[in-house]
Protein backbone atom coordinates (compact mmCIF):
# COMPACT_ATOMS: atom_id res chain seq x y z
CA UNK A 1 69.84 60.09 -21.80
CA UNK A 2 70.03 58.46 -25.29
CA UNK A 3 67.01 57.50 -27.11
CA UNK A 4 67.75 54.16 -28.32
CA UNK A 5 65.61 51.17 -27.55
CA UNK A 6 66.65 48.58 -24.97
CA UNK A 7 64.82 45.02 -24.54
CA UNK A 8 62.82 44.96 -21.06
CA UNK A 9 65.31 41.80 -20.71
CA UNK A 10 68.19 43.79 -20.59
CA UNK A 11 67.11 47.18 -18.16
CA UNK A 12 65.84 44.00 -15.90
CA UNK A 13 69.06 42.54 -15.68
CA UNK A 14 70.63 46.19 -15.61
CA UNK A 15 68.47 46.43 -12.52
CA UNK A 16 69.28 43.11 -10.76
CA UNK A 17 73.38 43.61 -11.47
CA UNK A 18 72.86 47.09 -9.43
CA UNK A 19 70.74 46.09 -6.85
CA UNK A 20 73.11 43.19 -6.48
CA UNK A 21 76.28 45.13 -6.35
CA UNK A 22 74.81 47.53 -4.30
CA UNK A 23 73.71 45.39 -1.56
CA UNK A 24 77.17 43.11 -1.54
CA UNK A 25 79.00 46.82 -0.80
CA UNK A 26 76.97 47.01 1.85
CA UNK A 27 78.29 44.02 3.18
CA UNK A 28 81.41 45.09 3.27
CA UNK A 29 80.11 48.27 4.68
CA UNK A 30 78.10 47.37 7.64
CA UNK A 31 78.64 44.04 8.50
CA UNK A 32 75.26 41.89 9.46
CA UNK A 33 75.48 40.21 12.96
CA UNK A 34 74.56 36.48 11.69
CA UNK A 35 73.82 34.58 8.64
CA UNK A 36 70.18 35.38 8.72
CA UNK A 37 70.47 38.95 8.96
CA UNK A 38 72.60 39.16 5.83
CA UNK A 39 70.48 36.86 3.85
CA UNK A 40 67.10 39.57 4.64
CA UNK A 41 69.45 42.76 4.11
CA UNK A 42 70.66 41.56 1.30
CA UNK A 43 67.35 40.39 -0.09
CA UNK A 44 65.48 43.65 1.00
CA UNK A 45 68.37 45.27 -1.07
CA UNK A 46 67.53 43.55 -4.21
CA UNK A 47 64.14 44.34 -4.22
CA UNK A 48 64.82 47.74 -3.06
CA UNK A 49 66.92 48.55 -6.06
CA UNK A 50 64.66 47.01 -8.24
CA UNK A 51 61.76 48.88 -7.64
CA UNK A 52 63.26 52.50 -6.92
CA UNK A 53 66.36 51.74 -8.84
CA UNK A 54 65.27 53.48 -11.78
CA UNK A 55 63.52 56.63 -10.11
CA UNK A 56 66.53 56.61 -8.21
CA UNK A 57 69.25 57.18 -11.04
CA UNK A 58 67.35 59.58 -12.72
CA UNK A 59 67.10 61.63 -9.72
CA UNK A 60 70.65 61.31 -8.97
CA UNK A 61 71.75 62.02 -13.08
CA UNK A 62 69.54 64.51 -12.75
CA UNK A 63 71.28 66.37 -9.63
CA UNK A 64 74.66 65.57 -10.93
CA UNK A 65 73.94 67.08 -14.21
CA UNK A 66 75.38 63.81 -16.09
CA UNK A 67 71.53 62.58 -17.21
CA UNK A 68 72.51 63.65 -21.25
CA UNK A 69 75.38 61.27 -21.33
CA UNK A 70 74.24 58.22 -19.66
CA UNK A 71 72.53 55.67 -21.53
CA UNK A 72 69.14 54.19 -19.82
CA UNK A 73 71.11 50.99 -18.98
CA UNK A 74 73.72 52.93 -16.91
CA UNK A 75 70.86 54.86 -15.12
CA UNK A 76 69.39 52.01 -13.96
CA UNK A 77 72.58 50.51 -12.69
CA UNK A 78 73.60 53.57 -10.77
CA UNK A 79 69.86 54.12 -9.05
CA UNK A 80 69.94 49.73 -8.37
CA UNK A 81 73.46 49.96 -6.78
CA UNK A 82 72.75 53.56 -4.81
CA UNK A 83 68.91 52.58 -3.75
CA UNK A 84 70.57 49.35 -2.90
CA UNK A 85 73.13 50.41 -0.52
CA UNK A 86 70.82 52.98 1.08
CA UNK A 87 68.31 50.57 1.95
CA UNK A 88 70.69 48.00 2.73
CA UNK A 89 72.39 50.27 5.66
CA UNK A 90 69.23 52.37 6.79
CA UNK A 91 67.71 48.83 7.38
CA UNK A 92 70.37 47.36 9.37
CA UNK A 93 70.82 50.46 11.58
CA UNK A 94 66.73 50.45 12.00
CA UNK A 95 67.14 46.95 12.78
CA UNK A 96 70.17 47.48 15.43
CA UNK A 97 68.25 50.43 17.30
CA UNK A 98 64.88 48.51 17.27
CA UNK A 99 66.80 45.86 18.77
CA UNK A 100 68.08 48.06 21.90
CA UNK A 101 64.75 49.61 22.47
CA UNK A 102 62.87 46.54 22.88
CA UNK A 103 65.05 44.56 24.62
CA UNK A 104 63.68 42.47 27.37
CA UNK A 105 64.74 43.52 31.06
CA UNK A 106 65.75 46.90 30.75
CA UNK A 107 64.96 50.68 29.63
CA UNK A 108 66.21 49.89 26.09
CA UNK A 109 69.33 51.75 26.84
CA UNK A 110 67.13 55.45 27.10
CA UNK A 111 69.04 58.05 28.95
CA UNK A 112 67.23 59.38 32.32
């Protein structure tokens, strides 16, 4: 990773851009049922990417062995996009699973 000092504003914009990109890609990957679900999951993706993006970027770069060639901004974008993408997909799947479990008038599709 480059030792060049960067502005906190630049890092913030990089995290936001990565989180927004991850959420947008997720819309195409796992379609929401409606606008409300899409908005909620998009916002969850943004928050998750902003919070967990830099640590996720560092972990991914270390795992892939590319940490020495990436700048802090690239790590933030990469990590925020990955965290956002994973959170959006996982929470969408959990939401649909929970909806099936707690639906009224049935056993939730549980095997007998």
